[in-house]
């Protein structure tokens, strides 16, 4: 089975909060989760796998409900 790079990103926005996942351009195979509230600085977390980045994305997005 051929493996393809993550060719797109994920971004959710709600009430001034934005969470996104993107492939890191400088280091192929690494992914970054960015969490931004309002106009403040974005927190960035780096992950070695896409699965880890998507789990972090889902957990961060669910946290906005609490």
PDB file of N, CA and C in Angstrom:
ATOM      1  N   UNK A   1       0.840  -1.166   0.000  1.00  0.00           N
ATOM      2  CA  UNK A   1       0.000   0.000   0.000  1.00  0.00           C
ATOM      3  C   UNK A   1       0.895   1.243   0.000  1.00  0.00           C
ATOM      4  N   UNK A   2       0.587   2.185  -0.838  1.00  0.00           N
ATOM      5  CA  UNK A   2       1.359   3.425  -0.923  1.00  0.00           C
ATOM      6  C   UNK A   2       0.927   4.390   0.176  1.00  0.00           C
ATOM      7  N   UNK A   3       1.892   5.094   0.718  1.00  0.00           N
ATOM      8  CA  UNK A   3       1.591   6.114   1.728  1.00  0.00           C
ATOM      9  C   UNK A   3       1.697   7.484   1.080  1.00  0.00           C
ATOM     10  N   UNK A   4       0.699   8.321   1.348  1.00  0.00           N
ATOM     11  CA  UNK A   4       0.702   9.660   0.786  1.00  0.00           C
ATOM     12  C   UNK A   4       0.838  10.673   1.921  1.00  0.00           C
ATOM     13  N   UNK A   5       1.497  11.774   1.680  1.00  0.00           N
ATOM     14  CA  UNK A   5       1.617  12.796   2.724  1.00  0.00           C
ATOM     15  C   UNK A   5       0.267  13.456   2.989  1.00  0.00           C
ATOM     16  N   UNK A   6       0.155  14.054   4.163  1.00  0.00           N
ATOM     17  CA  UNK A   6      -1.046  14.792   4.547  1.00  0.00           C
ATOM     18  C   UNK A   6      -1.107  16.018   3.642  1.00  0.00           C
ATOM     19  N   UNK A   7      -1.986  16.001   2.650  1.00  0.00           N
ATOM     20  CA  UNK A   7      -2.004  17.037   1.627  1.00  0.00           C
ATOM     21  C   UNK A   7      -3.005  18.144   1.916  1.00  0.00           C
ATOM     22  N   UNK A   8      -3.651  18.115   3.045  1.00  0.00           N
ATOM     23  CA  UNK A   8      -4.612  19.154   3.377  1.00  0.00           C
ATOM     24  C   UNK A   8      -4.540  19.402   4.874  1.00  0.00           C
ATOM     25  N   UNK A   9      -5.230  20.396   5.341  1.00  0.00           N
ATOM     26  CA  UNK A   9      -5.234  20.717   6.767  1.00  0.00           C
ATOM     27  C   UNK A   9      -6.640  20.610   7.325  1.00  0.00           C
ATOM     28  N   UNK A  10      -6.728  20.707   8.630  1.00  0.00           N
ATOM     29  CA  UNK A  10      -8.010  20.682   9.334  1.00  0.00           C
ATOM     30  C   UNK A  10      -8.080  21.957  10.148  1.00  0.00           C
ATOM     31  N   UNK A  11      -9.213  22.672  10.068  1.00  0.00           N
ATOM     32  CA  UNK A  11      -9.376  23.886  10.855  1.00  0.00           C
ATOM     33  C   UNK A  11     -10.826  24.033  11.290  1.00  0.00           C
ATOM     34  N   UNK A  12     -11.030  24.152  12.598  1.00  0.00           N
ATOM     35  CA  UNK A  12     -12.360  24.408  13.147  1.00  0.00           C
ATOM     36  C   UNK A  12     -12.305  25.750  13.861  1.00  0.00           C
ATOM     37  N   UNK A  13     -13.367  26.552  13.724  1.00  0.00           N
ATOM     38  CA  UNK A  13     -13.469  27.840  14.413  1.00  0.00           C
ATOM     39  C   UNK A  13     -14.837  27.943  15.051  1.00  0.00           C
ATOM     40  N   UNK A  14     -14.865  28.501  16.269  1.00  0.00           N
ATOM     41  CA  UNK A  14     -16.127  28.706  16.970  1.00  0.00           C
ATOM     42  C   UNK A  14     -15.936  29.767  18.039  1.00  0.00           C
ATOM     43  N   UNK A  15     -16.720  30.822  17.987  1.00  0.00           N
ATOM     44  CA  UNK A  15     -16.732  31.873  19.015  1.00  0.00           C
ATOM     45  C   UNK A  15     -15.341  32.384  19.352  1.00  0.00           C
ATOM     46  N   UNK A  16     -14.571  32.698  18.346  1.00  0.00           N
ATOM     47  CA  UNK A  16     -13.251  33.269  18.560  1.00  0.00           C
ATOM     48  C   UNK A  16     -12.146  32.272  18.836  1.00  0.00           C
ATOM     49  N   UNK A  17     -12.453  30.998  18.903  1.00  0.00           N
ATOM     50  CA  UNK A  17     -11.420  29.983  19.124  1.00  0.00           C
ATOM     51  C   UNK A  17     -11.200  29.222  17.822  1.00  0.00           C
ATOM     52  N   UNK A  18      -9.955  28.991  17.509  1.00  0.00           N
ATOM     53  CA  UNK A  18      -9.601  28.296  16.279  1.00  0.00           C
ATOM     54  C   UNK A  18      -8.588  27.199  16.602  1.00  0.00           C
ATOM     55  N   UNK A  19      -8.839  26.000  16.085  1.00  0.00           N
ATOM     56  CA  UNK A  19      -7.924  24.875  16.251  1.00  0.00           C
ATOM     57  C   UNK A  19      -7.652  24.316  14.860  1.00  0.00           C
ATOM     58  N   UNK A  20      -6.377  24.114  14.553  1.00  0.00           N
ATOM     59  CA  UNK A  20      -6.054  23.574  13.231  1.00  0.00           C
ATOM     60  C   UNK A  20      -4.904  22.592  13.290  1.00  0.00           C
ATOM     61  N   UNK A  21      -4.888  21.712  12.307  1.00  0.00           N
ATOM     62  CA  UNK A  21      -3.814  20.722  12.137  1.00  0.00           C
ATOM     63  C   UNK A  21      -3.225  20.954  10.756  1.00  0.00           C
ATOM     64  N   UNK A  22      -1.907  20.943  10.701  1.00  0.00           N
ATOM     65  CA  UNK A  22      -1.244  21.101   9.399  1.00  0.00           C
ATOM     66  C   UNK A  22       0.047  20.295   9.398  1.00  0.00           C
ATOM     67  N   UNK A  23       0.467  19.929   8.220  1.00  0.00           N
ATOM     68  CA  UNK A  23       1.749  19.247   8.074  1.00  0.00           C
ATOM     69  C   UNK A  23       2.854  20.282   8.228  1.00  0.00           C
ATOM     70  N   UNK A  24       3.937  19.914   8.869  1.00  0.00           N
ATOM     71  CA  UNK A  24       5.045  20.840   9.065  1.00  0.00           C
ATOM     72  C   UNK A  24       5.882  20.871   7.801  1.00  0.00           C
ATOM     73  N   UNK A  25       6.094  22.053   7.253  1.00  0.00           N
ATOM     74  CA  UNK A  25       6.779  22.162   5.965  1.00  0.00           C
ATOM     75  C   UNK A  25       8.281  21.879   6.069  1.00  0.00           C
ATOM     76  N   UNK A  26       8.924  22.252   7.179  1.00  0.00           N
ATOM     77  CA  UNK A  26      10.364  22.060   7.295  1.00  0.00           C
ATOM     78  C   UNK A  26      10.735  20.608   7.586  1.00  0.00           C
ATOM     79  N   UNK A  27       9.866  19.880   8.260  1.00  0.00           N
ATOM     80  CA  UNK A  27      10.175  18.493   8.644  1.00  0.00           C
ATOM     81  C   UNK A  27       9.058  17.577   8.158  1.00  0.00           C
ATOM     82  N   UNK A  28       9.221  16.948   7.013  1.00  0.00           N
ATOM     83  CA  UNK A  28       8.191  16.045   6.496  1.00  0.00           C
ATOM     84  C   UNK A  28       7.904  14.909   7.478  1.00  0.00           C
ATOM     85  N   UNK A  29       6.652  14.535   7.569  1.00  0.00           N
ATOM     86  CA  UNK A  29       6.254  13.460   8.464  1.00  0.00           C
ATOM     87  C   UNK A  29       5.916  13.940   9.861  1.00  0.00           C
ATOM     88  N   UNK A  30       6.018  15.246  10.130  1.00  0.00           N
ATOM     89  CA  UNK A  30       5.674  15.825  11.429  1.00  0.00           C
ATOM     90  C   UNK A  30       4.430  16.702  11.239  1.00  0.00           C
ATOM     91  N   UNK A  31       3.623  16.803  12.284  1.00  0.00           N
ATOM     92  CA  UNK A  31       2.369  17.552  12.218  1.00  0.00           C
ATOM     93  C   UNK A  31       2.280  18.519  13.382  1.00  0.00           C
ATOM     94  N   UNK A  32       1.631  19.651  13.156  1.00  0.00           N
ATOM     95  CA  UNK A  32       1.504  20.705  14.156  1.00  0.00           C
ATOM     96  C   UNK A  32       0.025  20.957  14.427  1.00  0.00           C
ATOM     97  N   UNK A  33      -0.324  21.035  15.729  1.00  0.00           N
ATOM     98  CA  UNK A  33      -1.671  21.418  16.152  1.00  0.00           C
ATOM     99  C   UNK A  33      -1.559  22.823  16.721  1.00  0.00           C
ATOM    100  N   UNK A  34      -2.350  23.758  16.176  1.00  0.00           N
ATOM    101  CA  UNK A  34      -2.347  25.141  16.646  1.00  0.00           C
ATOM    102  C   UNK A  34      -3.685  25.444  17.299  1.00  0.00           C
ATOM    103  N   UNK A  35      -3.626  26.016  18.498  1.00  0.00           N
ATOM    104  CA  UNK A  35      -4.818  26.376  19.259  1.00  0.00           C
ATOM    105  C   UNK A  35      -4.742  27.871  19.529  1.00  0.00           C
ATOM    106  N   UNK A  36      -5.720  28.627  19.013  1.00  0.00           N
ATOM    107  CA  UNK A  36      -5.702  30.078  19.186  1.00  0.00           C
ATOM    108  C   UNK A  36      -7.043  30.553  19.717  1.00  0.00           C
ATOM    109  N   UNK A  37      -6.995  31.395  20.719  1.00  0.00           N
ATOM    110  CA  UNK A  37      -8.201  31.994  21.295  1.00  0.00           C
ATOM    111  C   UNK A  37      -8.164  33.482  21.039  1.00  0.00           C
ATOM    112  N   UNK A  38      -9.164  33.965  20.302  1.00  0.00           N
ATOM    113  CA  UNK A  38      -9.201  35.391  19.987  1.00  0.00           C
ATOM    114  C   UNK A  38      -8.006  35.806  19.151  1.00  0.00           C
ATOM    115  N   UNK A  39      -7.469  36.965  19.490  1.00  0.00           N
ATOM    116  CA  UNK A  39      -6.325  37.487  18.742  1.00  0.00           C
ATOM    117  C   UNK A  39      -5.004  37.208  19.452  1.00  0.00           C
ATOM    118  N   UNK A  40      -5.033  36.400  20.478  1.00  0.00           N
ATOM    119  CA  UNK A  40      -3.810  36.059  21.217  1.00  0.00           C
ATOM    120  C   UNK A  40      -2.891  35.166  20.414  1.00  0.00           C
ATOM    121  N   UNK A  41      -1.742  34.908  20.992  1.00  0.00           N
ATOM    122  CA  UNK A  41      -0.756  34.048  20.336  1.00  0.00           C
ATOM    123  C   UNK A  41      -1.262  32.606  20.292  1.00  0.00           C
ATOM    124  N   UNK A  42      -0.953  31.922  19.222  1.00  0.00           N
ATOM    125  CA  UNK A  42      -1.374  30.526  19.050  1.00  0.00           C
ATOM    126  C   UNK A  42      -0.414  29.600  19.781  1.00  0.00           C
ATOM    127  N   UNK A  43      -0.970  28.628  20.494  1.00  0.00           N
ATOM    128  CA  UNK A  43      -0.142  27.575  21.103  1.00  0.00           C
ATOM    129  C   UNK A  43       0.070  26.513  20.039  1.00  0.00           C
ATOM    130  N   UNK A  44       1.290  26.069  19.895  1.00  0.00           N
ATOM    131  CA  UNK A  44       1.616  25.050  18.897  1.00  0.00           C
ATOM    132  C   UNK A  44       2.180  23.821  19.574  1.00  0.00           C
ATOM    133  N   UNK A  45       1.669  22.660  19.149  1.00  0.00           N
ATOM    134  CA  UNK A  45       2.178  21.386  19.645  1.00  0.00           C
ATOM    135  C   UNK A  45       2.542  20.522  18.449  1.00  0.00           C
ATOM    136  N   UNK A  46       3.725  19.933  18.502  1.00  0.00           N
ATOM    137  CA  UNK A  46       4.233  19.131  17.395  1.00  0.00           C
ATOM    138  C   UNK A  46       4.031  17.653  17.692  1.00  0.00           C
ATOM    139  N   UNK A  47       3.676  16.874  16.660  1.00  0.00           N
ATOM    140  CA  UNK A  47       3.438  15.441  16.799  1.00  0.00           C
ATOM    141  C   UNK A  47       4.182  14.680  15.712  1.00  0.00           C
ATOM    142  N   UNK A  48       4.633  13.491  16.070  1.00  0.00           N
ATOM    143  CA  UNK A  48       5.381  12.655  15.130  1.00  0.00           C
ATOM    144  C   UNK A  48       4.462  11.885  14.190  1.00  0.00           C
ATOM    145  N   UNK A  49       3.205  11.680  14.594  1.00  0.00           N
ATOM    146  CA  UNK A  49       2.275  10.918  13.755  1.00  0.00           C
ATOM    147  C   UNK A  49       0.998  11.715  13.510  1.00  0.00           C
ATOM    148  N   UNK A  50       0.367  11.420  12.406  1.00  0.00           N
ATOM    149  CA  UNK A  50      -0.901  12.068  12.096  1.00  0.00           C
ATOM    150  C   UNK A  50      -1.974  11.659  13.095  1.00  0.00           C
ATOM    151  N   UNK A  51      -1.976  10.390  13.499  1.00  0.00           N
ATOM    152  CA  UNK A  51      -2.952   9.917  14.479  1.00  0.00           C
ATOM    153  C   UNK A  51      -2.849  10.670  15.797  1.00  0.00           C
ATOM    154  N   UNK A  52      -1.629  10.906  16.265  1.00  0.00           N
ATOM    155  CA  UNK A  52      -1.424  11.659  17.500  1.00  0.00           C
ATOM    156  C   UNK A  52      -1.894  13.095  17.366  1.00  0.00           C
ATOM    157  N   UNK A  53      -1.638  13.699  16.213  1.00  0.00           N
ATOM    158  CA  UNK A  53      -2.074  15.079  15.983  1.00  0.00           C
ATOM    159  C   UNK A  53      -3.599  15.170  15.945  1.00  0.00           C
ATOM    160  N   UNK A  54      -4.253  14.208  15.317  1.00  0.00           N
ATOM    161  CA  UNK A  54      -5.715  14.242  15.246  1.00  0.00           C
ATOM    162  C   UNK A  54      -6.354  13.963  16.601  1.00  0.00           C
ATOM    163  N   UNK A  55      -5.744  13.096  17.421  1.00  0.00           N
ATOM    164  CA  UNK A  55      -6.248  12.880  18.788  1.00  0.00           C
ATOM    165  C   UNK A  55      -6.135  14.159  19.611  1.00  0.00           C
ATOM    166  N   UNK A  56      -5.007  14.845  19.493  1.00  0.00           N
ATOM    167  CA  UNK A  56      -4.810  16.111  20.193  1.00  0.00           C
ATOM    168  C   UNK A  56      -5.819  17.149  19.699  1.00  0.00           C
ATOM    169  N   UNK A  57      -6.028  17.212  18.385  1.00  0.00           N
ATOM    170  CA  UNK A  57      -7.005  18.131  17.806  1.00  0.00           C
ATOM    171  C   UNK A  57      -8.396  17.876  18.382  1.00  0.00           C
ATOM    172  N   UNK A  58      -8.820  16.615  18.413  1.00  0.00           N
ATOM    173  CA  UNK A  58     -10.148  16.269  18.923  1.00  0.00           C
ATOM    174  C   UNK A  58     -10.283  16.607  20.406  1.00  0.00           C
ATOM    175  N   UNK A  59      -9.266  16.302  21.195  1.00  0.00           N
ATOM    176  CA  UNK A  59      -9.316  16.605  22.632  1.00  0.00           C
ATOM    177  C   UNK A  59      -9.365  18.111  22.871  1.00  0.00           C
ATOM    178  N   UNK A  60      -8.588  18.871  22.117  1.00  0.00           N
ATOM    179  CA  UNK A  60      -8.575  20.328  22.254  1.00  0.00           C
ATOM    180  C   UNK A  60      -9.918  20.912  21.852  1.00  0.00           C
ATOM    181  N   UNK A  61     -10.501  20.404  20.782  1.00  0.00           N
ATOM    182  CA  UNK A  61     -11.782  20.921  20.314  1.00  0.00           C
ATOM    183  C   UNK A  61     -12.898  20.605  21.324  1.00  0.00           C
ATOM    184  N   UNK A  62     -12.853  19.429  21.935  1.00  0.00           N
ATOM    185  CA  UNK A  62     -13.857  19.079  22.943  1.00  0.00           C
ATOM    186  C   UNK A  62     -13.720  19.934  24.192  1.00  0.00           C
ATOM    187  N   UNK A  63     -12.518  20.377  24.522  1.00  0.00           N
ATOM    188  CA  UNK A  63     -12.303  21.179  25.716  1.00  0.00           C
ATOM    189  C   UNK A  63     -13.042  22.515  25.662  1.00  0.00           C
ATOM    190  N   UNK A  64     -13.355  23.009  24.473  1.00  0.00           N
ATOM    191  CA  UNK A  64     -14.059  24.277  24.364  1.00  0.00           C
ATOM    192  C   UNK A  64     -15.457  24.186  24.951  1.00  0.00           C
ATOM    193  N   UNK A  65     -15.984  22.989  25.146  1.00  0.00           N
ATOM    194  CA  UNK A  65     -17.323  22.800  25.677  1.00  0.00           C
ATOM    195  C   UNK A  65     -17.351  22.911  27.203  1.00  0.00           C
ATOM    196  N   UNK A  66     -16.196  22.846  27.838  1.00  0.00           N
ATOM    197  CA  UNK A  66     -16.151  22.880  29.319  1.00  0.00           C
ATOM    198  C   UNK A  66     -15.654  24.190  29.833  1.00  0.00           C
TER     199      UNK A  66
END
